[in-house]
Amino acid sequence: MLWSIFESILLGTVYLCLIVLVFSPTLYVLWLYVIGRRVSIKANGLLKLTVTTFIINAIVAYFMAHLAFDYLLTAKMAEWQGMARTSLDKAILSQERFFSSHRRYYAVGPVRGPYKDEYGLLVEKDVILEVVPAWDSHSNSETFQAYAVHIVSRDLLHATKDGKVRQSLRDSEESTRIKAKLFNSVR
């Protein structure tokens, strides 16, 4: 709880600094306008200059936000999701190697990367992974369920022994429950 409050305060401070940085020309011209109103020598056009500067700064801020959220953040989210997928693929390979020599699957975690075990599992940095052995009643055989999520992207990936990796639905009850379990177990 305290860490969450600290993160929010830090994020708010960064956003405030960015807003001040982007709108600093407007603040400077506004200061000139206020000072110009108080001195005896009147300068014409300061109000128009202030409004024009604000409009230009607002347009620049809009395009910077558009660039950040649509291009930079999307690319980072895909990179983080790729890290989770890579860790999940390595978990599947590790489970298959272990099963071929021991005829059973082994449980992992939940663990937060970077993590490496003696069976070849490698979890990348800031990825939370859990592998749970299970029994498949349809085929009467051993199986496993593997879940991976990056701490920032928060999209849950799910895999089974058949090697298929699927992204769980974001708002499903099961996905929410598993993500909560993963995040709460590695804090």
C-alpha atoms as a PDB file:
ATOM      1  CA  MET A   1       0.000   0.000   0.000  1.00  0.00           C
ATOM      2  CA  LEU A   2       2.754   2.430   0.955  1.00  0.00           C
ATOM      3  CA  TRP A   3       4.741   1.505  -2.169  1.00  0.00           C
ATOM      4  CA  SER A   4       1.670   2.162  -4.333  1.00  0.00           C
ATOM      5  CA  ILE A   5       1.281   5.630  -2.808  1.00  0.00           C
ATOM      6  CA  PHE A   6       4.965   6.342  -3.384  1.00  0.00           C
ATOM      7  CA  GLU A   7       4.672   5.234  -7.036  1.00  0.00           C
ATOM      8  CA  SER A   8       1.654   7.504  -7.543  1.00  0.00           C
ATOM      9  CA  ILE A   9       3.427  10.506  -6.001  1.00  0.00           C
ATOM     10  CA  LEU A  10       6.525   9.875  -8.111  1.00  0.00           C
ATOM     11  CA  LEU A  11       4.496   9.498 -11.302  1.00  0.00           C
ATOM     12  CA  GLY A  12       2.528  12.672 -10.515  1.00  0.00           C
ATOM     13  CA  THR A  13       5.765  14.586  -9.944  1.00  0.00           C
ATOM     14  CA  VAL A  14       7.178  13.410 -13.277  1.00  0.00           C
ATOM     15  CA  TYR A  15       3.985  14.440 -15.095  1.00  0.00           C
ATOM     16  CA  LEU A  16       4.000  17.834 -13.373  1.00  0.00           C
ATOM     17  CA  CYS A  17       7.625  18.412 -14.408  1.00  0.00           C
ATOM     18  CA  LEU A  18       6.807  17.457 -17.999  1.00  0.00           C
ATOM     19  CA  ILE A  19       3.837  19.845 -18.057  1.00  0.00           C
ATOM     20  CA  VAL A  20       5.974  22.680 -16.690  1.00  0.00           C
ATOM     21  CA  LEU A  21       8.674  21.892 -19.250  1.00  0.00           C
ATOM     22  CA  VAL A  22       6.273  21.853 -22.197  1.00  0.00           C
ATOM     23  CA  PHE A  23       4.353  24.937 -21.088  1.00  0.00           C
ATOM     24  CA  SER A  24       7.387  26.954 -19.914  1.00  0.00           C
ATOM     25  CA  PRO A  25       7.203  29.355 -22.897  1.00  0.00           C
ATOM     26  CA  THR A  26       3.593  30.092 -21.995  1.00  0.00           C
ATOM     27  CA  LEU A  27       4.535  30.656 -18.351  1.00  0.00           C
ATOM     28  CA  TYR A  28       7.301  33.039 -19.414  1.00  0.00           C
ATOM     29  CA  VAL A  29       5.028  35.063 -21.728  1.00  0.00           C
ATOM     30  CA  LEU A  30       2.298  35.091 -19.067  1.00  0.00           C
ATOM     31  CA  TRP A  31       4.826  36.471 -16.586  1.00  0.00           C
ATOM     32  CA  LEU A  32       5.776  39.180 -19.118  1.00  0.00           C
ATOM     33  CA  TYR A  33       2.079  40.020 -19.544  1.00  0.00           C
ATOM     34  CA  VAL A  34       1.516  40.323 -15.778  1.00  0.00           C
ATOM     35  CA  ILE A  35       4.634  42.477 -15.344  1.00  0.00           C
ATOM     36  CA  GLY A  36       3.676  44.566 -18.400  1.00  0.00           C
ATOM     37  CA  ARG A  37       0.319  45.353 -16.805  1.00  0.00           C
ATOM     38  CA  ARG A  38       1.991  46.627 -13.625  1.00  0.00           C
ATOM     39  CA  VAL A  39       4.578  48.988 -15.133  1.00  0.00           C
ATOM     40  CA  SER A  40       3.815  52.456 -16.435  1.00  0.00           C
ATOM     41  CA  ILE A  41       5.085  51.750 -19.957  1.00  0.00           C
ATOM     42  CA  LYS A  42       2.381  49.733 -21.698  1.00  0.00           C
ATOM     43  CA  ALA A  43       3.327  47.152 -24.285  1.00  0.00           C
ATOM     44  CA  ASN A  44       0.584  46.381 -26.751  1.00  0.00           C
ATOM     45  CA  GLY A  45      -0.088  42.844 -27.940  1.00  0.00           C
ATOM     46  CA  LEU A  46       1.130  40.905 -24.888  1.00  0.00           C
ATOM     47  CA  LEU A  47      -2.270  39.306 -24.319  1.00  0.00           C
ATOM     48  CA  LYS A  48      -2.429  38.160 -27.938  1.00  0.00           C
ATOM     49  CA  LEU A  49       1.147  36.831 -27.685  1.00  0.00           C
ATOM     50  CA  THR A  50       0.286  34.959 -24.472  1.00  0.00           C
ATOM     51  CA  VAL A  51      -2.783  33.280 -25.991  1.00  0.00           C
ATOM     52  CA  THR A  52      -0.905  32.408 -29.191  1.00  0.00           C
ATOM     53  CA  THR A  53       1.977  30.896 -27.206  1.00  0.00           C
ATOM     54  CA  PHE A  54      -0.463  28.861 -25.112  1.00  0.00           C
ATOM     55  CA  ILE A  55      -2.193  27.504 -28.223  1.00  0.00           C
ATOM     56  CA  ILE A  56       1.136  26.540 -29.787  1.00  0.00           C
ATOM     57  CA  ASN A  57       2.235  24.839 -26.546  1.00  0.00           C
ATOM     58  CA  ALA A  58      -1.081  22.975 -26.316  1.00  0.00           C
ATOM     59  CA  ILE A  59      -0.644  21.683 -29.877  1.00  0.00           C
ATOM     60  CA  VAL A  60       2.939  20.578 -29.140  1.00  0.00           C
ATOM     61  CA  ALA A  61       1.789  18.863 -25.927  1.00  0.00           C
ATOM     62  CA  TYR A  62      -0.984  17.067 -27.823  1.00  0.00           C
ATOM     63  CA  PHE A  63       1.435  15.726 -30.437  1.00  0.00           C
ATOM     64  CA  MET A  64       3.978  14.708 -27.794  1.00  0.00           C
ATOM     65  CA  ALA A  65       1.304  12.801 -25.860  1.00  0.00           C
ATOM     66  CA  HIS A  66       0.060  11.208 -29.086  1.00  0.00           C
ATOM     67  CA  LEU A  67       3.601  10.134 -29.985  1.00  0.00           C
ATOM     68  CA  ALA A  68       4.312   8.788 -26.503  1.00  0.00           C
ATOM     69  CA  PHE A  69       1.123   6.784 -26.034  1.00  0.00           C
ATOM     70  CA  ASP A  70       0.544   5.555 -29.581  1.00  0.00           C
ATOM     71  CA  TYR A  71       4.080   4.744 -30.686  1.00  0.00           C
ATOM     72  CA  LEU A  72       6.575   4.571 -27.831  1.00  0.00           C
ATOM     73  CA  LEU A  73       4.333   2.993 -25.185  1.00  0.00           C
ATOM     74  CA  THR A  74       2.803   0.525 -27.646  1.00  0.00           C
ATOM     75  CA  ALA A  75       6.263  -0.655 -28.681  1.00  0.00           C
ATOM     76  CA  LYS A  76       7.325  -1.061 -25.045  1.00  0.00           C
ATOM     77  CA  MET A  77       4.143  -2.971 -24.219  1.00  0.00           C
ATOM     78  CA  ALA A  78       4.844  -5.344 -27.112  1.00  0.00           C
ATOM     79  CA  GLU A  79       8.427  -5.771 -25.895  1.00  0.00           C
ATOM     80  CA  TRP A  80       7.262  -6.565 -22.357  1.00  0.00           C
ATOM     81  CA  GLN A  81       4.656  -8.995 -23.672  1.00  0.00           C
ATOM     82  CA  GLY A  82       7.386 -10.631 -25.765  1.00  0.00           C
ATOM     83  CA  MET A  83       9.539 -11.067 -22.661  1.00  0.00           C
ATOM     84  CA  ALA A  84       6.652 -12.852 -20.921  1.00  0.00           C
ATOM     85  CA  ARG A  85       6.067 -15.042 -23.982  1.00  0.00           C
ATOM     86  CA  THR A  86       9.767 -15.940 -24.186  1.00  0.00           C
ATOM     87  CA  SER A  87       9.816 -16.903 -20.513  1.00  0.00           C
ATOM     88  CA  LEU A  88       6.701 -19.005 -20.996  1.00  0.00           C
ATOM     89  CA  ASP A  89       8.230 -20.779 -24.009  1.00  0.00           C
ATOM     90  CA  LYS A  90      11.349 -21.551 -21.967  1.00  0.00           C
ATOM     91  CA  ALA A  91       9.142 -22.893 -19.173  1.00  0.00           C
ATOM     92  CA  ILE A  92       7.409 -25.236 -21.619  1.00  0.00           C
ATOM     93  CA  LEU A  93      10.756 -26.530 -22.912  1.00  0.00           C
ATOM     94  CA  SER A  94      12.057 -26.947 -19.367  1.00  0.00           C
ATOM     95  CA  GLN A  95       8.943 -28.895 -18.348  1.00  0.00           C
ATOM     96  CA  GLU A  96       9.226 -31.164 -21.406  1.00  0.00           C
ATOM     97  CA  ARG A  97      12.888 -31.930 -20.674  1.00  0.00           C
ATOM     98  CA  PHE A  98      12.102 -32.657 -17.039  1.00  0.00           C
ATOM     99  CA  PHE A  99       9.143 -34.852 -18.001  1.00  0.00           C
ATOM    100  CA  SER A 100      11.226 -36.893 -20.452  1.00  0.00           C
ATOM    101  CA  SER A 101      13.699 -37.838 -17.733  1.00  0.00           C
ATOM    102  CA  HIS A 102      11.460 -38.000 -14.616  1.00  0.00           C
ATOM    103  CA  ARG A 103       8.019 -38.841 -16.103  1.00  0.00           C
ATOM    104  CA  ARG A 104       6.388 -35.986 -14.208  1.00  0.00           C
ATOM    105  CA  TYR A 105       6.197 -32.188 -14.295  1.00  0.00           C
ATOM    106  CA  TYR A 106       7.559 -29.962 -11.578  1.00  0.00           C
ATOM    107  CA  ALA A 107       6.026 -26.899  -9.959  1.00  0.00           C
ATOM    108  CA  VAL A 108       7.627 -23.493 -10.321  1.00  0.00           C
ATOM    109  CA  GLY A 109       6.869 -20.389  -8.336  1.00  0.00           C
ATOM    110  CA  PRO A 110       5.333 -17.991  -8.691  1.00  0.00           C
ATOM    111  CA  VAL A 111       8.755 -16.457  -9.258  1.00  0.00           C
ATOM    112  CA  ARG A 112       9.790 -13.039 -10.472  1.00  0.00           C
ATOM    113  CA  GLY A 113      12.672 -12.802 -12.909  1.00  0.00           C
ATOM    114  CA  PRO A 114      15.521 -12.768 -13.283  1.00  0.00           C
ATOM    115  CA  TYR A 115      15.324 -16.404 -12.239  1.00  0.00           C
ATOM    116  CA  LYS A 116      17.122 -19.531 -13.356  1.00  0.00           C
ATOM    117  CA  ASP A 117      16.770 -23.064 -12.094  1.00  0.00           C
ATOM    118  CA  GLU A 118      18.758 -26.272 -12.476  1.00  0.00           C
ATOM    119  CA  TYR A 119      16.381 -27.657 -15.131  1.00  0.00           C
ATOM    120  CA  GLY A 120      17.060 -24.939 -17.701  1.00  0.00           C
ATOM    121  CA  LEU A 121      14.229 -22.581 -16.890  1.00  0.00           C
ATOM    122  CA  LEU A 122      15.149 -18.935 -17.427  1.00  0.00           C
ATOM    123  CA  VAL A 123      12.677 -16.214 -16.461  1.00  0.00           C
ATOM    124  CA  GLU A 124      13.445 -12.765 -17.813  1.00  0.00           C
ATOM    125  CA  LYS A 125      13.647  -9.653 -15.654  1.00  0.00           C
ATOM    126  CA  ASP A 126      10.326  -8.409 -14.211  1.00  0.00           C
ATOM    127  CA  VAL A 127       8.335 -11.365 -15.540  1.00  0.00           C
ATOM    128  CA  ILE A 128       6.289 -13.328 -13.029  1.00  0.00           C
ATOM    129  CA  LEU A 129       5.935 -17.019 -13.902  1.00  0.00           C
ATOM    130  CA  GLU A 130       4.091 -19.915 -12.329  1.00  0.00           C
ATOM    131  CA  VAL A 131       3.932 -23.523 -13.452  1.00  0.00           C
ATOM    132  CA  VAL A 132       1.437 -25.865 -11.808  1.00  0.00           C
ATOM    133  CA  PRO A 133       1.419 -29.617 -12.507  1.00  0.00           C
ATOM    134  CA  ALA A 134      -2.069 -31.025 -13.023  1.00  0.00           C
ATOM    135  CA  TRP A 135      -3.908 -34.170 -14.024  1.00  0.00           C
ATOM    136  CA  ASP A 136      -5.807 -34.231 -17.319  1.00  0.00           C
ATOM    137  CA  SER A 137      -8.892 -36.361 -16.731  1.00  0.00           C
ATOM    138  CA  HIS A 138      -9.777 -36.501 -20.451  1.00  0.00           C
ATOM    139  CA  SER A 139      -6.538 -38.157 -21.526  1.00  0.00           C
ATOM    140  CA  ASN A 140      -5.663 -39.624 -18.106  1.00  0.00           C
ATOM    141  CA  SER A 141      -2.197 -38.156 -18.185  1.00  0.00           C
ATOM    142  CA  GLU A 142      -0.029 -35.635 -16.430  1.00  0.00           C
ATOM    143  CA  THR A 143      -0.134 -32.070 -17.678  1.00  0.00           C
ATOM    144  CA  PHE A 144       0.720 -28.609 -16.459  1.00  0.00           C
ATOM    145  CA  GLN A 145      -0.625 -25.092 -16.548  1.00  0.00           C
ATOM    146  CA  ALA A 146       1.837 -22.231 -16.930  1.00  0.00           C
ATOM    147  CA  TYR A 147       1.091 -18.550 -16.440  1.00  0.00           C
ATOM    148  CA  ALA A 148       3.311 -15.567 -17.136  1.00  0.00           C
ATOM    149  CA  VAL A 149       2.786 -11.828 -16.808  1.00  0.00           C
ATOM    150  CA  HIS A 150       5.139  -8.867 -17.032  1.00  0.00           C
ATOM    151  CA  ILE A 151       4.798  -6.516 -14.066  1.00  0.00           C
ATOM    152  CA  VAL A 152       4.112  -3.523 -16.329  1.00  0.00           C
ATOM    153  CA  SER A 153       2.096  -4.914 -19.247  1.00  0.00           C
ATOM    154  CA  ARG A 154      -0.306  -6.818 -16.987  1.00  0.00           C
ATOM    155  CA  ASP A 155      -1.593  -9.051 -19.802  1.00  0.00           C
ATOM    156  CA  LEU A 156      -1.716 -12.653 -18.601  1.00  0.00           C
ATOM    157  CA  LEU A 157      -0.332 -15.377 -20.855  1.00  0.00           C
ATOM    158  CA  HIS A 158      -1.394 -18.995 -20.384  1.00  0.00           C
ATOM    159  CA  ALA A 159       0.219 -22.161 -21.735  1.00  0.00           C
ATOM    160  CA  THR A 160      -0.318 -25.896 -21.506  1.00  0.00           C
ATOM    161  CA  LYS A 161       1.852 -28.901 -22.352  1.00  0.00           C
ATOM    162  CA  ASP A 162       0.704 -28.873 -25.976  1.00  0.00           C
ATOM    163  CA  GLY A 163       2.908 -25.796 -26.432  1.00  0.00           C
ATOM    164  CA  LYS A 164       0.188 -23.308 -27.296  1.00  0.00           C
ATOM    165  CA  VAL A 165       0.506 -19.906 -25.632  1.00  0.00           C
ATOM    166  CA  ARG A 166      -2.676 -17.884 -25.360  1.00  0.00           C
ATOM    167  CA  GLN A 167      -3.413 -14.465 -23.961  1.00  0.00           C
ATOM    168  CA  SER A 168      -6.166 -14.658 -21.378  1.00  0.00           C
ATOM    169  CA  LEU A 169      -9.060 -12.250 -21.526  1.00  0.00           C
ATOM    170  CA  ARG A 170      -8.258  -9.126 -19.533  1.00  0.00           C
ATOM    171  CA  ASP A 171     -11.552  -8.796 -17.723  1.00  0.00           C
ATOM    172  CA  SER A 172     -12.320 -12.442 -17.109  1.00  0.00           C
ATOM    173  CA  GLU A 173     -12.736 -13.514 -13.519  1.00  0.00           C
ATOM    174  CA  GLU A 174     -10.152 -16.299 -13.792  1.00  0.00           C
ATOM    175  CA  SER A 175      -7.566 -13.989 -15.348  1.00  0.00           C
ATOM    176  CA  THR A 176      -8.091 -11.375 -12.642  1.00  0.00           C
ATOM    177  CA  ARG A 177      -7.803 -14.012  -9.918  1.00  0.00           C
ATOM    178  CA  ILE A 178      -4.591 -15.509 -11.326  1.00  0.00           C
ATOM    179  CA  LYS A 179      -2.977 -12.094 -11.892  1.00  0.00           C
ATOM    180  CA  ALA A 180      -3.827 -11.061  -8.328  1.00  0.00           C
ATOM    181  CA  LYS A 181      -2.290 -14.280  -7.024  1.00  0.00           C
ATOM    182  CA  LEU A 182       0.874 -13.781  -9.085  1.00  0.00           C
ATOM    183  CA  PHE A 183       1.348 -10.128  -8.138  1.00  0.00           C
ATOM    184  CA  ASN A 184       0.602 -10.652  -4.456  1.00  0.00           C
ATOM    185  CA  SER A 185       2.953 -13.628  -4.181  1.00  0.00           C
ATOM    186  CA  VAL A 186       6.089 -11.807  -5.340  1.00  0.00           C
ATOM    187  CA  ARG A 187       5.776  -8.429  -3.597  1.00  0.00           C
END
